[in-house]
C-alpha atoms as a PDB file:
ATOM      1  CA  UNK A   1      -0.462 -18.075  -9.351  1.00  0.00           C
ATOM      2  CA  UNK A   2      -2.120 -16.150  -6.566  1.00  0.00           C
ATOM      3  CA  UNK A   3      -1.829 -12.406  -7.271  1.00  0.00           C
ATOM      4  CA  UNK A   4      -0.093 -11.703  -3.946  1.00  0.00           C
ATOM      5  CA  UNK A   5       1.387 -14.952  -2.576  1.00  0.00           C
ATOM      6  CA  UNK A   6       4.753 -16.464  -3.401  1.00  0.00           C
ATOM      7  CA  UNK A   7       5.215 -20.226  -3.181  1.00  0.00           C
ATOM      8  CA  UNK A   8       8.564 -21.949  -3.202  1.00  0.00           C
ATOM      9  CA  UNK A   9      11.865 -22.111  -1.408  1.00  0.00           C
ATOM     10  CA  UNK A  10      13.880 -18.973  -0.665  1.00  0.00           C
ATOM     11  CA  UNK A  11      16.838 -20.610   1.065  1.00  0.00           C
ATOM     12  CA  UNK A  12      18.360 -24.089   1.414  1.00  0.00           C
ATOM     13  CA  UNK A  13      21.562 -25.110   3.141  1.00  0.00           C
ATOM     14  CA  UNK A  14      23.717 -22.376   4.743  1.00  0.00           C
ATOM     15  CA  UNK A  15      25.881 -20.677   2.153  1.00  0.00           C
ATOM     16  CA  UNK A  16      29.651 -21.169   2.109  1.00  0.00           C
ATOM     17  CA  UNK A  17      31.558 -18.140   3.351  1.00  0.00           C
ATOM     18  CA  UNK A  18      32.711 -17.022  -0.088  1.00  0.00           C
ATOM     19  CA  UNK A  19      29.193 -17.166  -1.525  1.00  0.00           C
ATOM     20  CA  UNK A  20      27.693 -15.395   1.490  1.00  0.00           C
ATOM     21  CA  UNK A  21      30.281 -12.671   0.927  1.00  0.00           C
ATOM     22  CA  UNK A  22      29.096 -12.284  -2.674  1.00  0.00           C
ATOM     23  CA  UNK A  23      25.487 -12.037  -1.502  1.00  0.00           C
ATOM     24  CA  UNK A  24      26.532  -9.325   0.967  1.00  0.00           C
ATOM     25  CA  UNK A  25      28.760  -7.312  -1.376  1.00  0.00           C
ATOM     26  CA  UNK A  26      28.090  -8.089  -5.039  1.00  0.00           C
ATOM     27  CA  UNK A  27      24.330  -8.676  -5.002  1.00  0.00           C
ATOM     28  CA  UNK A  28      23.505  -5.078  -3.952  1.00  0.00           C
ATOM     29  CA  UNK A  29      25.565  -3.826  -6.893  1.00  0.00           C
ATOM     30  CA  UNK A  30      23.852  -5.987  -9.537  1.00  0.00           C
ATOM     31  CA  UNK A  31      20.310  -6.026  -8.142  1.00  0.00           C
ATOM     32  CA  UNK A  32      17.536  -4.392 -10.131  1.00  0.00           C
ATOM     33  CA  UNK A  33      16.337  -1.336  -8.142  1.00  0.00           C
ATOM     34  CA  UNK A  34      12.708  -1.846  -7.101  1.00  0.00           C
ATOM     35  CA  UNK A  35      12.129   1.455  -5.283  1.00  0.00           C
ATOM     36  CA  UNK A  36      10.568   3.430  -8.132  1.00  0.00           C
ATOM     37  CA  UNK A  37       7.292   3.537 -10.009  1.00  0.00           C
ATOM     38  CA  UNK A  38       8.950   2.028 -13.083  1.00  0.00           C
ATOM     39  CA  UNK A  39      12.256   0.587 -14.330  1.00  0.00           C
ATOM     40  CA  UNK A  40      14.240   1.972 -17.263  1.00  0.00           C
ATOM     41  CA  UNK A  41      15.830  -1.231 -18.464  1.00  0.00           C
ATOM     42  CA  UNK A  42      18.511   0.606 -20.461  1.00  0.00           C
ATOM     43  CA  UNK A  43      19.881   2.584 -17.509  1.00  0.00           C
ATOM     44  CA  UNK A  44      20.480  -0.692 -15.644  1.00  0.00           C
ATOM     45  CA  UNK A  45      23.532  -1.519 -17.767  1.00  0.00           C
ATOM     46  CA  UNK A  46      26.879   0.215 -18.139  1.00  0.00           C
ATOM     47  CA  UNK A  47      28.098   0.153 -20.852  1.00  0.00           C
ATOM     48  CA  UNK A  48      24.767   0.449 -22.683  1.00  0.00           C
ATOM     49  CA  UNK A  49      23.320  -2.660 -24.354  1.00  0.00           C
ATOM     50  CA  UNK A  50      21.513  -3.094 -27.648  1.00  0.00           C
ATOM     51  CA  UNK A  51      18.818  -5.472 -26.328  1.00  0.00           C
ATOM     52  CA  UNK A  52      17.519  -6.796 -23.018  1.00  0.00           C
ATOM     53  CA  UNK A  53      16.701 -10.460 -22.375  1.00  0.00           C
ATOM     54  CA  UNK A  54      14.914 -11.836 -19.295  1.00  0.00           C
ATOM     55  CA  UNK A  55      15.079 -15.200 -17.565  1.00  0.00           C
ATOM     56  CA  UNK A  56      12.396 -16.102 -15.007  1.00  0.00           C
ATOM     57  CA  UNK A  57      13.561 -18.638 -12.438  1.00  0.00           C
ATOM     58  CA  UNK A  58      17.206 -19.041 -13.504  1.00  0.00           C
ATOM     59  CA  UNK A  59      17.999 -21.768 -10.960  1.00  0.00           C
ATOM     60  CA  UNK A  60      21.799 -21.804 -10.614  1.00  0.00           C
ATOM     61  CA  UNK A  61      22.187 -19.394 -13.524  1.00  0.00           C
ATOM     62  CA  UNK A  62      24.211 -21.596 -15.935  1.00  0.00           C
ATOM     63  CA  UNK A  63      21.978 -20.769 -18.894  1.00  0.00           C
ATOM     64  CA  UNK A  64      21.918 -17.048 -18.148  1.00  0.00           C
ATOM     65  CA  UNK A  65      25.665 -16.808 -17.511  1.00  0.00           C
ATOM     66  CA  UNK A  66      26.492 -18.730 -20.695  1.00  0.00           C
ATOM     67  CA  UNK A  67      24.381 -16.401 -22.779  1.00  0.00           C
ATOM     68  CA  UNK A  68      25.819 -13.333 -21.065  1.00  0.00           C
ATOM     69  CA  UNK A  69      29.356 -14.458 -21.888  1.00  0.00           C
ATOM     70  CA  UNK A  70      28.389 -15.156 -25.513  1.00  0.00           C
ATOM     71  CA  UNK A  71      26.496 -11.865 -25.987  1.00  0.00           C
ATOM     72  CA  UNK A  72      28.321  -9.075 -24.116  1.00  0.00           C
ATOM     73  CA  UNK A  73      26.304  -6.423 -26.013  1.00  0.00           C
ATOM     74  CA  UNK A  74      22.992  -7.742 -24.615  1.00  0.00           C
ATOM     75  CA  UNK A  75      21.726  -7.014 -21.122  1.00  0.00           C
ATOM     76  CA  UNK A  76      20.319  -9.885 -19.064  1.00  0.00           C
ATOM     77  CA  UNK A  77      17.856  -9.633 -16.204  1.00  0.00           C
ATOM     78  CA  UNK A  78      17.505 -12.798 -14.145  1.00  0.00           C
ATOM     79  CA  UNK A  79      14.810 -13.496 -11.533  1.00  0.00           C
ATOM     80  CA  UNK A  80      15.299 -16.178  -8.871  1.00  0.00           C
ATOM     81  CA  UNK A  81      14.009 -16.151  -5.286  1.00  0.00           C
ATOM     82  CA  UNK A  82      16.169 -19.114  -4.114  1.00  0.00           C
ATOM     83  CA  UNK A  83      19.193 -17.415  -2.624  1.00  0.00           C
ATOM     84  CA  UNK A  84      21.418 -20.500  -2.944  1.00  0.00           C
ATOM     85  CA  UNK A  85      20.918 -20.398  -6.716  1.00  0.00           C
ATOM     86  CA  UNK A  86      21.476 -16.667  -6.751  1.00  0.00           C
ATOM     87  CA  UNK A  87      24.812 -17.134  -4.988  1.00  0.00           C
ATOM     88  CA  UNK A  88      25.960 -19.553  -7.742  1.00  0.00           C
ATOM     89  CA  UNK A  89      25.151 -16.998 -10.431  1.00  0.00           C
ATOM     90  CA  UNK A  90      26.969 -14.332  -8.420  1.00  0.00           C
ATOM     91  CA  UNK A  91      30.055 -16.543  -8.502  1.00  0.00           C
ATOM     92  CA  UNK A  92      29.786 -16.733 -12.292  1.00  0.00           C
ATOM     93  CA  UNK A  93      29.338 -12.949 -12.545  1.00  0.00           C
ATOM     94  CA  UNK A  94      32.397 -12.442 -10.351  1.00  0.00           C
ATOM     95  CA  UNK A  95      34.634 -15.054 -11.951  1.00  0.00           C
ATOM     96  CA  UNK A  96      33.815 -14.012 -15.514  1.00  0.00           C
ATOM     97  CA  UNK A  97      33.651 -10.271 -14.750  1.00  0.00           C
ATOM     98  CA  UNK A  98      30.211 -10.063 -16.388  1.00  0.00           C
ATOM     99  CA  UNK A  99      28.999  -6.488 -16.719  1.00  0.00           C
ATOM    100  CA  UNK A 100      25.742  -7.276 -18.530  1.00  0.00           C
ATOM    101  CA  UNK A 101      23.785  -9.196 -15.867  1.00  0.00           C
ATOM    102  CA  UNK A 102      21.299  -7.776 -13.368  1.00  0.00           C
ATOM    103  CA  UNK A 103      19.552  -9.879 -10.737  1.00  0.00           C
ATOM    104  CA  UNK A 104      16.146  -9.732  -9.079  1.00  0.00           C
ATOM    105  CA  UNK A 105      16.448 -12.148  -6.103  1.00  0.00           C
ATOM    106  CA  UNK A 106      12.724 -12.510  -5.552  1.00  0.00           C
ATOM    107  CA  UNK A 107       9.355 -13.304  -7.120  1.00  0.00           C
ATOM    108  CA  UNK A 108       9.442 -12.186 -10.764  1.00  0.00           C
ATOM    109  CA  UNK A 109       5.939 -10.719 -10.917  1.00  0.00           C
ATOM    110  CA  UNK A 110       6.595  -7.375  -9.151  1.00  0.00           C
ATOM    111  CA  UNK A 111       9.568  -6.767 -11.441  1.00  0.00           C
ATOM    112  CA  UNK A 112       7.578  -7.608 -14.550  1.00  0.00           C
ATOM    113  CA  UNK A 113       4.957  -5.072 -13.534  1.00  0.00           C
ATOM    114  CA  UNK A 114       7.576  -2.306 -13.271  1.00  0.00           C
ATOM    115  CA  UNK A 115       9.187  -2.858 -16.659  1.00  0.00           C
ATOM    116  CA  UNK A 116       7.965  -0.757 -19.611  1.00  0.00           C
ATOM    117  CA  UNK A 117       5.997  -2.066 -22.590  1.00  0.00           C
ATOM    118  CA  UNK A 118       7.926  -3.834 -25.376  1.00  0.00           C
ATOM    119  CA  UNK A 119      11.252  -3.604 -23.602  1.00  0.00           C
ATOM    120  CA  UNK A 120      12.403  -7.234 -24.022  1.00  0.00           C
ATOM    121  CA  UNK A 121      13.764  -9.026 -27.075  1.00  0.00           C
ATOM    122  CA  UNK A 122      13.714 -12.502 -25.508  1.00  0.00           C
ATOM    123  CA  UNK A 123      12.315 -14.212 -22.416  1.00  0.00           C
ATOM    124  CA  UNK A 124      13.081 -17.626 -20.927  1.00  0.00           C
ATOM    125  CA  UNK A 125      11.102 -19.793 -18.510  1.00  0.00           C
ATOM    126  CA  UNK A 126      13.185 -22.957 -18.214  1.00  0.00           C
ATOM    127  CA  UNK A 127      12.154 -25.965 -16.140  1.00  0.00           C
ATOM    128  CA  UNK A 128       9.845 -24.076 -13.793  1.00  0.00           C
ATOM    129  CA  UNK A 129       8.459 -25.780 -10.694  1.00  0.00           C
ATOM    130  CA  UNK A 130       5.673 -28.008 -12.104  1.00  0.00           C
ATOM    131  CA  UNK A 131       3.584 -27.980  -8.909  1.00  0.00           C
ATOM    132  CA  UNK A 132       2.310 -31.460  -9.841  1.00  0.00           C
ATOM    133  CA  UNK A 133      -0.538 -31.726  -7.354  1.00  0.00           C
ATOM    134  CA  UNK A 134      -3.801 -30.561  -8.878  1.00  0.00           C
ATOM    135  CA  UNK A 135      -4.634 -28.327  -5.905  1.00  0.00           C
ATOM    136  CA  UNK A 136      -1.357 -26.471  -6.539  1.00  0.00           C
ATOM    137  CA  UNK A 137      -1.835 -25.809 -10.267  1.00  0.00           C
ATOM    138  CA  UNK A 138      -2.767 -22.199  -9.528  1.00  0.00           C
ATOM    139  CA  UNK A 139       0.866 -21.725  -8.405  1.00  0.00           C
ATOM    140  CA  UNK A 140       2.311 -22.528 -11.830  1.00  0.00           C
ATOM    141  CA  UNK A 141       4.123 -19.611 -13.489  1.00  0.00           C
ATOM    142  CA  UNK A 142       2.694 -20.339 -16.912  1.00  0.00           C
ATOM    143  CA  UNK A 143      -0.835 -19.013 -16.634  1.00  0.00           C
ATOM    144  CA  UNK A 144      -2.977 -16.406 -18.472  1.00  0.00           C
ATOM    145  CA  UNK A 145      -2.005 -13.568 -16.100  1.00  0.00           C
ATOM    146  CA  UNK A 146       1.732 -14.110 -16.453  1.00  0.00           C
ATOM    147  CA  UNK A 147       1.491 -14.669 -20.208  1.00  0.00           C
ATOM    148  CA  UNK A 148      -0.293 -11.321 -20.395  1.00  0.00           C
ATOM    149  CA  UNK A 149       2.638  -9.798 -18.525  1.00  0.00           C
ATOM    150  CA  UNK A 150       5.177 -11.349 -20.911  1.00  0.00           C
ATOM    151  CA  UNK A 151       3.150 -10.361 -23.959  1.00  0.00           C
ATOM    152  CA  UNK A 152       3.160  -6.746 -22.766  1.00  0.00           C
ATOM    153  CA  UNK A 153       6.922  -6.769 -22.236  1.00  0.00           C
ATOM    154  CA  UNK A 154       8.048  -8.610 -25.368  1.00  0.00           C
ATOM    155  CA  UNK A 155       8.616  -6.692 -28.577  1.00  0.00           C
ATOM    156  CA  UNK A 156       6.633  -7.823 -31.625  1.00  0.00           C
ATOM    157  CA  UNK A 157       8.477 -10.700 -33.281  1.00  0.00           C
ATOM    158  CA  UNK A 158      10.547 -11.475 -30.194  1.00  0.00           C
ATOM    159  CA  UNK A 159      11.051 -14.928 -28.740  1.00  0.00           C
ATOM    160  CA  UNK A 160       9.706 -16.717 -25.673  1.00  0.00           C
ATOM    161  CA  UNK A 161      11.373 -20.011 -24.803  1.00  0.00           C
ATOM    162  CA  UNK A 162       9.879 -22.476 -22.306  1.00  0.00           C
ATOM    163  CA  UNK A 163      11.335 -25.856 -21.296  1.00  0.00           C
ATOM    164  CA  UNK A 164      10.001 -28.620 -19.061  1.00  0.00           C
ATOM    165  CA  UNK A 165      10.496 -32.298 -18.350  1.00  0.00           C
ATOM    166  CA  UNK A 166       7.197 -32.790 -16.538  1.00  0.00           C
ATOM    167  CA  UNK A 167       4.547 -34.369 -18.852  1.00  0.00           C
ATOM    168  CA  UNK A 168       1.562 -32.598 -17.346  1.00  0.00           C
ATOM    169  CA  UNK A 169       3.323 -29.243 -17.249  1.00  0.00           C
ATOM    170  CA  UNK A 170       4.346 -29.726 -20.880  1.00  0.00           C
ATOM    171  CA  UNK A 171       0.729 -30.198 -21.893  1.00  0.00           C
ATOM    172  CA  UNK A 172      -0.323 -27.323 -19.630  1.00  0.00           C
ATOM    173  CA  UNK A 173       2.264 -24.977 -21.180  1.00  0.00           C
ATOM    174  CA  UNK A 174       1.337 -25.841 -24.729  1.00  0.00           C
ATOM    175  CA  UNK A 175      -2.374 -25.461 -24.050  1.00  0.00           C
ATOM    176  CA  UNK A 176      -2.029 -22.082 -22.405  1.00  0.00           C
ATOM    177  CA  UNK A 177       0.358 -20.636 -24.958  1.00  0.00           C
ATOM    178  CA  UNK A 178      -1.560 -21.929 -27.983  1.00  0.00           C
ATOM    179  CA  UNK A 179      -4.722 -20.445 -26.505  1.00  0.00           C
ATOM    180  CA  UNK A 180      -3.098 -17.083 -25.866  1.00  0.00           C
ATOM    181  CA  UNK A 181      -3.825 -14.569 -28.628  1.00  0.00           C
ATOM    182  CA  UNK A 182      -0.355 -12.959 -28.583  1.00  0.00           C
ATOM    183  CA  UNK A 183       1.900 -15.998 -29.195  1.00  0.00           C
ATOM    184  CA  UNK A 184       2.612 -18.292 -32.153  1.00  0.00           C
ATOM    185  CA  UNK A 185       4.247 -21.691 -31.661  1.00  0.00           C
ATOM    186  CA  UNK A 186       7.241 -21.915 -34.042  1.00  0.00           C
ATOM    187  CA  UNK A 187       7.555 -25.693 -34.279  1.00  0.00           C
ATOM    188  CA  UNK A 188       7.165 -27.136 -37.773  1.00  0.00           C
ATOM    189  CA  UNK A 189       8.313 -30.708 -36.961  1.00  0.00           C
ATOM    190  CA  UNK A 190       8.781 -32.834 -33.848  1.00  0.00           C
ATOM    191  CA  UNK A 191      12.528 -32.231 -33.692  1.00  0.00           C
ATOM    192  CA  UNK A 192      11.858 -28.508 -33.301  1.00  0.00           C
ATOM    193  CA  UNK A 193      10.702 -29.189 -29.726  1.00  0.00           C
ATOM    194  CA  UNK A 194      12.396 -32.517 -28.950  1.00  0.00           C
ATOM    195  CA  UNK A 195      15.940 -31.364 -29.632  1.00  0.00           C
ATOM    196  CA  UNK A 196      17.550 -28.454 -27.782  1.00  0.00           C
ATOM    197  CA  UNK A 197      18.567 -25.719 -30.251  1.00  0.00           C
ATOM    198  CA  UNK A 198      22.290 -25.120 -30.676  1.00  0.00           C
ATOM    199  CA  UNK A 199      22.051 -21.624 -29.213  1.00  0.00           C
ATOM    200  CA  UNK A 200      20.259 -22.884 -26.077  1.00  0.00           C
ATOM    201  CA  UNK A 201      22.931 -23.508 -23.395  1.00  0.00           C
ATOM    202  CA  UNK A 202      22.319 -26.616 -21.236  1.00  0.00           C
ATOM    203  CA  UNK A 203      22.088 -26.622 -17.430  1.00  0.00           C
ATOM    204  CA  UNK A 204      22.874 -29.166 -14.714  1.00  0.00           C
ATOM    205  CA  UNK A 205      19.175 -29.456 -13.978  1.00  0.00           C
ATOM    206  CA  UNK A 206      18.527 -30.285 -17.617  1.00  0.00           C
ATOM    207  CA  UNK A 207      21.092 -33.090 -17.476  1.00  0.00           C
ATOM    208  CA  UNK A 208      19.124 -34.593 -14.596  1.00  0.00           C
ATOM    209  CA  UNK A 209      15.907 -34.056 -16.583  1.00  0.00           C
ATOM    210  CA  UNK A 210      17.267 -36.089 -19.478  1.00  0.00           C
ATOM    211  CA  UNK A 211      16.195 -39.202 -17.568  1.00  0.00           C
ATOM    212  CA  UNK A 212      12.714 -38.001 -18.504  1.00  0.00           C
ATOM    213  CA  UNK A 213      11.723 -36.392 -21.812  1.00  0.00           C
ATOM    214  CA  UNK A 214      12.450 -32.664 -21.769  1.00  0.00           C
ATOM    215  CA  UNK A 215      10.916 -30.457 -24.408  1.00  0.00           C
ATOM    216  CA  UNK A 216      12.064 -27.090 -25.749  1.00  0.00           C
ATOM    217  CA  UNK A 217       9.262 -24.807 -26.844  1.00  0.00           C
ATOM    218  CA  UNK A 218       9.819 -21.595 -28.819  1.00  0.00           C
ATOM    219  CA  UNK A 219       7.042 -19.058 -29.325  1.00  0.00           C
ATOM    220  CA  UNK A 220       7.015 -15.754 -31.198  1.00  0.00           C
ATOM    221  CA  UNK A 221       5.298 -12.641 -29.882  1.00  0.00           C
ATOM    222  CA  UNK A 222       2.752 -11.728 -32.568  1.00  0.00           C
ATOM    223  CA  UNK A 223       2.801  -8.206 -34.066  1.00  0.00           C
END
C-alpha cells in the first residue's frame, strides 16, 4: 500500500436512524484515542484484560463480536474505515453490552504505528480487499511493510490468521508470509488451511465466499 494514501470505501448507503445514533453517541466512547504519541493498549479497557487481540478490516464485525462474547477477559481492537460496517459492530456492542471492544474507524496503519512493541497476542486479517487488477496490487494490505508492522506488534509465539477466497490473493499472501523472516506457517496438512478451525467464528461474507474456495491461514510469530 502507498505509505500515505488510503484506498477503499468509507461510506455506502445512508445509515438507518438507530445506527446513525450509535455512530454519534457510542462510537466516541469506544474509539481508540489517536491524539497521543503512543497508545497504551491496556488502559483502553475497563475492566483490565489479560491479552489484546487485533482485527484489521473487520467488515460488519461478526467475527470480532463473536470472539469478544466468548472471551470477555480479552481486549479486542478492530479497525474498519467503512462506516456502515462500523455501525453494525456498534449494534453488536450495544446489544450484547460488550465492554472489551475498541474501534478504530479508519485506515489501520496509523493505529499500528502508535501501538507498542509486542503488545498483541493475536491478529486477524480476514477476507481483505483483493484489489485484483495488477496495477492496484500495491494497495493490498498484505505486503512487506504491513507484515513488518504486525511482526513488531505480535508477541513471540503469537498467532496471525489470514483468510481469503481470491485465488491470486491467496497465492500472494502465502508468498509474502513465507518469505517474511518473522513468521512460520503452521499448516501440516491440506485440511489445516482448507477447513475453518472450530475457534474461528464464521461471517456473512464468508458464507458468500463459500461459492469460491476460501482458505484459512495460520502463522506463528517467531521468537
